[in-house]
PDB file of all heavy atoms in Angstrom:
ATOM      1  N   PRO A   1       6.483  12.020  10.475  1.00  0.00           N
ATOM      2  CA  PRO A   1       6.691  12.463  11.858  1.00  0.00           C
ATOM      3  C   PRO A   1       5.377  12.717  12.587  1.00  0.00           C
ATOM      4  O   PRO A   1       4.481  13.377  12.056  1.00  0.00           O
ATOM      5  CB  PRO A   1       7.488  13.757  11.695  1.00  0.00           C
ATOM      6  CG  PRO A   1       8.212  13.582  10.404  1.00  0.00           C
ATOM      7  CD  PRO A   1       7.253  12.837   9.520  1.00  0.00           C
ATOM      8  N   GLY A   2       5.259  12.165  13.792  1.00  0.00           N
ATOM      9  CA  GLY A   2       4.075  12.360  14.597  1.00  0.00           C
ATOM     10  C   GLY A   2       2.873  11.530  14.205  1.00  0.00           C
ATOM     11  O   GLY A   2       1.798  11.696  14.795  1.00  0.00           O
ATOM     12  N   LYS A   3       3.025  10.641  13.235  1.00  0.00           N
ATOM     13  CA  LYS A   3       1.914   9.822  12.773  1.00  0.00           C
ATOM     14  C   LYS A   3       2.257   8.339  12.866  1.00  0.00           C
ATOM     15  O   LYS A   3       3.413   7.958  12.995  1.00  0.00           O
ATOM     16  CB  LYS A   3       1.538  10.192  11.339  1.00  0.00           C
ATOM     17  CG  LYS A   3       1.053  11.624  11.187  1.00  0.00           C
ATOM     18  CD  LYS A   3       0.542  11.900   9.794  1.00  0.00           C
ATOM     19  CE  LYS A   3      -0.004  13.308   9.685  1.00  0.00           C
ATOM     20  NZ  LYS A   3      -0.523  13.589   8.322  1.00  0.00           N
ATOM     21  N   GLN A   4       1.226   7.514  12.801  1.00  0.00           N
ATOM     22  CA  GLN A   4       1.428   6.078  12.882  1.00  0.00           C
ATOM     23  C   GLN A   4       1.958   5.525  11.567  1.00  0.00           C
ATOM     24  O   GLN A   4       1.868   6.170  10.518  1.00  0.00           O
ATOM     25  CB  GLN A   4       0.122   5.373  13.260  1.00  0.00           C
ATOM     26  CG  GLN A   4      -0.934   5.388  12.175  1.00  0.00           C
ATOM     27  CD  GLN A   4      -2.192   4.668  12.588  1.00  0.00           C
ATOM     28  OE1 GLN A   4      -3.221   5.279  12.836  1.00  0.00           O
ATOM     29  NE2 GLN A   4      -2.112   3.346  12.687  1.00  0.00           N
ATOM     30  N   ARG A   5       2.501   4.319  11.638  1.00  0.00           N
ATOM     31  CA  ARG A   5       2.962   3.639  10.446  1.00  0.00           C
ATOM     32  C   ARG A   5       1.772   3.017   9.717  1.00  0.00           C
ATOM     33  O   ARG A   5       1.018   2.239  10.296  1.00  0.00           O
ATOM     34  CB  ARG A   5       3.986   2.563  10.812  1.00  0.00           C
ATOM     35  CG  ARG A   5       4.643   1.899   9.621  1.00  0.00           C
ATOM     36  CD  ARG A   5       5.725   0.909  10.053  1.00  0.00           C
ATOM     37  NE  ARG A   5       6.798   1.566  10.798  1.00  0.00           N
ATOM     38  CZ  ARG A   5       7.897   0.956  11.215  1.00  0.00           C
ATOM     39  NH1 ARG A   5       8.091  -0.325  10.955  1.00  0.00           N
ATOM     40  NH2 ARG A   5       8.812   1.632  11.899  1.00  0.00           N
ATOM     41  N   ASP A   6       1.604   3.363   8.445  1.00  0.00           N
ATOM     42  CA  ASP A   6       0.468   2.913   7.660  1.00  0.00           C
ATOM     43  C   ASP A   6       0.921   2.086   6.467  1.00  0.00           C
ATOM     44  O   ASP A   6       1.992   2.308   5.902  1.00  0.00           O
ATOM     45  CB  ASP A   6      -0.347   4.100   7.141  1.00  0.00           C
ATOM     46  CG  ASP A   6      -1.034   4.875   8.235  1.00  0.00           C
ATOM     47  OD1 ASP A   6      -1.448   4.267   9.231  1.00  0.00           O
ATOM     48  OD2 ASP A   6      -1.174   6.107   8.088  1.00  0.00           O
ATOM     49  N   VAL A   7       0.065   1.154   6.061  1.00  0.00           N
ATOM     50  CA  VAL A   7       0.361   0.351   4.888  1.00  0.00           C
ATOM     51  C   VAL A   7       0.231   1.198   3.627  1.00  0.00           C
ATOM     52  O   VAL A   7      -0.669   2.030   3.508  1.00  0.00           O
ATOM     53  CB  VAL A   7      -0.558  -0.890   4.825  1.00  0.00           C
ATOM     54  CG1 VAL A   7      -2.014  -0.484   4.655  1.00  0.00           C
ATOM     55  CG2 VAL A   7      -0.115  -1.829   3.716  1.00  0.00           C
ATOM     56  N   VAL A   8       1.148   1.001   2.703  1.00  0.00           N
ATOM     57  CA  VAL A   8       1.116   1.664   1.405  1.00  0.00           C
ATOM     58  C   VAL A   8       0.646   0.687   0.333  1.00  0.00           C
ATOM     59  O   VAL A   8      -0.269   0.980  -0.445  1.00  0.00           O
ATOM     60  CB  VAL A   8       2.495   2.230   1.027  1.00  0.00           C
ATOM     61  CG1 VAL A   8       2.471   2.833  -0.373  1.00  0.00           C
ATOM     62  CG2 VAL A   8       2.946   3.263   2.054  1.00  0.00           C
ATOM     63  N   ALA A   9       1.279  -0.475   0.277  1.00  0.00           N
ATOM     64  CA  ALA A   9       0.951  -1.483  -0.717  1.00  0.00           C
ATOM     65  C   ALA A   9       1.453  -2.838  -0.246  1.00  0.00           C
ATOM     66  O   ALA A   9       2.469  -2.923   0.445  1.00  0.00           O
ATOM     67  CB  ALA A   9       1.563  -1.147  -2.075  1.00  0.00           C
ATOM     68  N   THR A  10       0.745  -3.892  -0.627  1.00  0.00           N
ATOM     69  CA  THR A  10       1.169  -5.250  -0.320  1.00  0.00           C
ATOM     70  C   THR A  10       1.060  -6.116  -1.562  1.00  0.00           C
ATOM     71  O   THR A  10       0.317  -5.800  -2.496  1.00  0.00           O
ATOM     72  CB  THR A  10       0.335  -5.885   0.807  1.00  0.00           C
ATOM     73  OG1 THR A  10      -1.036  -5.972   0.406  1.00  0.00           O
ATOM     74  CG2 THR A  10       0.445  -5.077   2.091  1.00  0.00           C
ATOM     75  N   ILE A  11       1.806  -7.224  -1.542  1.00  0.00           N
ATOM     76  CA  ILE A  11       1.778  -8.159  -2.665  1.00  0.00           C
ATOM     77  C   ILE A  11       1.990  -9.572  -2.136  1.00  0.00           C
ATOM     78  O   ILE A  11       2.860  -9.816  -1.307  1.00  0.00           O
ATOM     79  CB  ILE A  11       2.830  -7.776  -3.732  1.00  0.00           C
ATOM     80  CG1 ILE A  11       2.737  -8.691  -4.954  1.00  0.00           C
ATOM     81  CG2 ILE A  11       4.234  -7.773  -3.136  1.00  0.00           C
ATOM     82  CD1 ILE A  11       3.538  -8.183  -6.151  1.00  0.00           C
ATOM     83  N   THR A  12       1.170 -10.507  -2.597  1.00  0.00           N
ATOM     84  CA  THR A  12       1.321 -11.902  -2.212  1.00  0.00           C
ATOM     85  C   THR A  12       2.414 -12.562  -3.034  1.00  0.00           C
ATOM     86  O   THR A  12       2.917 -12.002  -4.010  1.00  0.00           O
ATOM     87  CB  THR A  12       0.014 -12.673  -2.410  1.00  0.00           C
ATOM     88  OG1 THR A  12      -0.259 -12.791  -3.815  1.00  0.00           O
ATOM     89  CG2 THR A  12      -1.152 -11.983  -1.718  1.00  0.00           C
ATOM     90  N   ARG A  13       2.775 -13.791  -2.645  1.00  0.00           N
ATOM     91  CA  ARG A  13       3.781 -14.512  -3.399  1.00  0.00           C
ATOM     92  C   ARG A  13       3.324 -14.748  -4.836  1.00  0.00           C
ATOM     93  O   ARG A  13       4.150 -14.773  -5.754  1.00  0.00           O
ATOM     94  CB  ARG A  13       4.096 -15.845  -2.717  1.00  0.00           C
ATOM     95  CG  ARG A  13       5.181 -16.638  -3.419  1.00  0.00           C
ATOM     96  CD  ARG A  13       5.656 -17.829  -2.603  1.00  0.00           C
ATOM     97  NE  ARG A  13       6.669 -18.576  -3.328  1.00  0.00           N
ATOM     98  CZ  ARG A  13       7.950 -18.253  -3.390  1.00  0.00           C
ATOM     99  NH1 ARG A  13       8.391 -17.174  -2.744  1.00  0.00           N
ATOM    100  NH2 ARG A  13       8.812 -18.992  -4.076  1.00  0.00           N
ATOM    101  N   GLY A  14       2.022 -14.904  -5.035  1.00  0.00           N
ATOM    102  CA  GLY A  14       1.483 -15.124  -6.361  1.00  0.00           C
ATOM    103  C   GLY A  14       1.252 -13.869  -7.172  1.00  0.00           C
ATOM    104  O   GLY A  14       0.841 -13.959  -8.338  1.00  0.00           O
ATOM    105  N   GLY A  15       1.476 -12.680  -6.576  1.00  0.00           N
ATOM    106  CA  GLY A  15       1.385 -11.441  -7.322  1.00  0.00           C
ATOM    107  C   GLY A  15       0.112 -10.640  -7.149  1.00  0.00           C
ATOM    108  O   GLY A  15      -0.079  -9.639  -7.850  1.00  0.00           O
ATOM    109  N   SER A  16      -0.758 -11.024  -6.231  1.00  0.00           N
ATOM    110  CA  SER A  16      -1.964 -10.247  -5.958  1.00  0.00           C
ATOM    111  C   SER A  16      -1.607  -9.002  -5.162  1.00  0.00           C
ATOM    112  O   SER A  16      -0.916  -9.087  -4.147  1.00  0.00           O
ATOM    113  CB  SER A  16      -2.971 -11.092  -5.190  1.00  0.00           C
ATOM    114  OG  SER A  16      -4.146 -10.363  -4.920  1.00  0.00           O
ATOM    115  N   THR A  17      -2.079  -7.832  -5.611  1.00  0.00           N
ATOM    116  CA  THR A  17      -1.676  -6.561  -5.010  1.00  0.00           C
ATOM    117  C   THR A  17      -2.842  -5.831  -4.367  1.00  0.00           C
ATOM    118  O   THR A  17      -4.004  -5.984  -4.767  1.00  0.00           O
ATOM    119  CB  THR A  17      -1.033  -5.639  -6.047  1.00  0.00           C
ATOM    120  OG1 THR A  17      -1.976  -5.383  -7.100  1.00  0.00           O
ATOM    121  CG2 THR A  17       0.212  -6.282  -6.638  1.00  0.00           C
ATOM    122  N   HIS A  18      -2.515  -5.001  -3.359  1.00  0.00           N
ATOM    123  CA  HIS A  18      -3.470  -4.132  -2.687  1.00  0.00           C
ATOM    124  C   HIS A  18      -2.784  -2.814  -2.393  1.00  0.00           C
ATOM    125  O   HIS A  18      -1.604  -2.782  -2.048  1.00  0.00           O
ATOM    126  CB  HIS A  18      -3.980  -4.771  -1.398  1.00  0.00           C
ATOM    127  CG  HIS A  18      -4.679  -6.074  -1.616  1.00  0.00           C
ATOM    128  ND1 HIS A  18      -6.033  -6.159  -1.854  1.00  0.00           N
ATOM    129  CD2 HIS A  18      -4.211  -7.342  -1.638  1.00  0.00           C
ATOM    130  CE1 HIS A  18      -6.366  -7.424  -2.015  1.00  0.00           C
ATOM    131  NE2 HIS A  18      -5.275  -8.160  -1.886  1.00  0.00           N
ATOM    132  N   TYR A  19      -3.548  -1.718  -2.511  1.00  0.00           N
ATOM    133  CA  TYR A  19      -2.996  -0.391  -2.329  1.00  0.00           C
ATOM    134  C   TYR A  19      -3.845   0.445  -1.392  1.00  0.00           C
ATOM    135  O   TYR A  19      -5.076   0.322  -1.366  1.00  0.00           O
ATOM    136  CB  TYR A  19      -2.904   0.349  -3.663  1.00  0.00           C
ATOM    137  CG  TYR A  19      -1.983  -0.292  -4.666  1.00  0.00           C
ATOM    138  CD1 TYR A  19      -2.466  -1.215  -5.587  1.00  0.00           C
ATOM    139  CD2 TYR A  19      -0.635   0.031  -4.696  1.00  0.00           C
ATOM    140  CE1 TYR A  19      -1.623  -1.806  -6.511  1.00  0.00           C
ATOM    141  CE2 TYR A  19       0.214  -0.555  -5.617  1.00  0.00           C
ATOM    142  CZ  TYR A  19      -0.278  -1.472  -6.525  1.00  0.00           C
ATOM    143  OH  TYR A  19       0.562  -2.055  -7.441  1.00  0.00           O
ATOM    144  N   ALA A  20      -3.189   1.314  -0.643  1.00  0.00           N
ATOM    145  CA  ALA A  20      -3.911   2.329   0.099  1.00  0.00           C
ATOM    146  C   ALA A  20      -4.597   3.271  -0.883  1.00  0.00           C
ATOM    147  O   ALA A  20      -4.081   3.548  -1.964  1.00  0.00           O
ATOM    148  CB  ALA A  20      -2.952   3.116   0.995  1.00  0.00           C
ATOM    149  N   ASP A  21      -5.779   3.775  -0.508  1.00  0.00           N
ATOM    150  CA  ASP A  21      -6.522   4.665  -1.395  1.00  0.00           C
ATOM    151  C   ASP A  21      -5.701   5.891  -1.804  1.00  0.00           C
ATOM    152  O   ASP A  21      -5.828   6.380  -2.931  1.00  0.00           O
ATOM    153  CB  ASP A  21      -7.816   5.118  -0.728  1.00  0.00           C
ATOM    154  CG  ASP A  21      -8.852   4.019  -0.642  1.00  0.00           C
ATOM    155  OD1 ASP A  21      -8.736   3.017  -1.371  1.00  0.00           O
ATOM    156  OD2 ASP A  21      -9.791   4.166   0.169  1.00  0.00           O
ATOM    157  N   SER A  22      -4.862   6.376  -0.918  1.00  0.00           N
ATOM    158  CA  SER A  22      -4.107   7.589  -1.170  1.00  0.00           C
ATOM    159  C   SER A  22      -3.054   7.441  -2.266  1.00  0.00           C
ATOM    160  O   SER A  22      -2.575   8.449  -2.791  1.00  0.00           O
ATOM    161  CB  SER A  22      -3.431   8.069   0.117  1.00  0.00           C
ATOM    162  OG  SER A  22      -2.566   7.077   0.635  1.00  0.00           O
ATOM    163  N   VAL A  23      -2.694   6.206  -2.620  1.00  0.00           N
ATOM    164  CA  VAL A  23      -1.649   5.996  -3.620  1.00  0.00           C
ATOM    165  C   VAL A  23      -2.134   5.266  -4.860  1.00  0.00           C
ATOM    166  O   VAL A  23      -1.364   5.089  -5.812  1.00  0.00           O
ATOM    167  CB  VAL A  23      -0.433   5.247  -3.029  1.00  0.00           C
ATOM    168  CG1 VAL A  23       0.069   5.951  -1.776  1.00  0.00           C
ATOM    169  CG2 VAL A  23      -0.776   3.790  -2.737  1.00  0.00           C
ATOM    170  N   LYS A  24      -3.386   4.856  -4.883  1.00  0.00           N
ATOM    171  CA  LYS A  24      -3.923   4.139  -6.042  1.00  0.00           C
ATOM    172  C   LYS A  24      -3.791   4.977  -7.311  1.00  0.00           C
ATOM    173  O   LYS A  24      -4.100   6.166  -7.324  1.00  0.00           O
ATOM    174  CB  LYS A  24      -5.382   3.763  -5.815  1.00  0.00           C
ATOM    175  CG  LYS A  24      -5.582   2.602  -4.868  1.00  0.00           C
ATOM    176  CD  LYS A  24      -7.060   2.263  -4.714  1.00  0.00           C
ATOM    177  CE  LYS A  24      -7.244   1.082  -3.783  1.00  0.00           C
ATOM    178  NZ  LYS A  24      -8.675   0.778  -3.546  1.00  0.00           N
ATOM    179  N   GLY A  25      -3.329   4.339  -8.361  1.00  0.00           N
ATOM    180  CA  GLY A  25      -3.143   5.018  -9.630  1.00  0.00           C
ATOM    181  C   GLY A  25      -1.811   5.713  -9.771  1.00  0.00           C
ATOM    182  O   GLY A  25      -1.470   6.169 -10.872  1.00  0.00           O
ATOM    183  N   ARG A  26      -1.053   5.816  -8.680  1.00  0.00           N
ATOM    184  CA  ARG A  26       0.236   6.493  -8.707  1.00  0.00           C
ATOM    185  C   ARG A  26       1.401   5.564  -8.388  1.00  0.00           C
ATOM    186  O   ARG A  26       2.495   5.734  -8.930  1.00  0.00           O
ATOM    187  CB  ARG A  26       0.254   7.670  -7.728  1.00  0.00           C
ATOM    188  CG  ARG A  26      -0.794   8.737  -8.033  1.00  0.00           C
ATOM    189  CD  ARG A  26      -0.598   9.971  -7.149  1.00  0.00           C
ATOM    190  NE  ARG A  26      -0.755   9.663  -5.731  1.00  0.00           N
ATOM    191  CZ  ARG A  26       0.197   9.844  -4.810  1.00  0.00           C
ATOM    192  NH1 ARG A  26       1.378  10.350  -5.165  1.00  0.00           N
ATOM    193  NH2 ARG A  26      -0.035   9.544  -3.534  1.00  0.00           N
ATOM    194  N   PHE A  27       1.185   4.598  -7.491  1.00  0.00           N
ATOM    195  CA  PHE A  27       2.243   3.682  -7.062  1.00  0.00           C
ATOM    196  C   PHE A  27       1.981   2.287  -7.616  1.00  0.00           C
ATOM    197  O   PHE A  27       0.821   1.877  -7.777  1.00  0.00           O
ATOM    198  CB  PHE A  27       2.304   3.585  -5.538  1.00  0.00           C
ATOM    199  CG  PHE A  27       2.788   4.824  -4.832  1.00  0.00           C
ATOM    200  CD1 PHE A  27       2.963   6.028  -5.495  1.00  0.00           C
ATOM    201  CD2 PHE A  27       3.065   4.765  -3.471  1.00  0.00           C
ATOM    202  CE1 PHE A  27       3.407   7.167  -4.827  1.00  0.00           C
ATOM    203  CE2 PHE A  27       3.509   5.893  -2.789  1.00  0.00           C
ATOM    204  CZ  PHE A  27       3.677   7.094  -3.468  1.00  0.00           C
TER     205      PHE A  27
END
């Protein structure tokens, strides 16, 4: 609430992943 929509994690069709710093190691 009151904040912008931010990326959490993404994945390509081939399985390459990227994570927001705030969730690395947990998600």
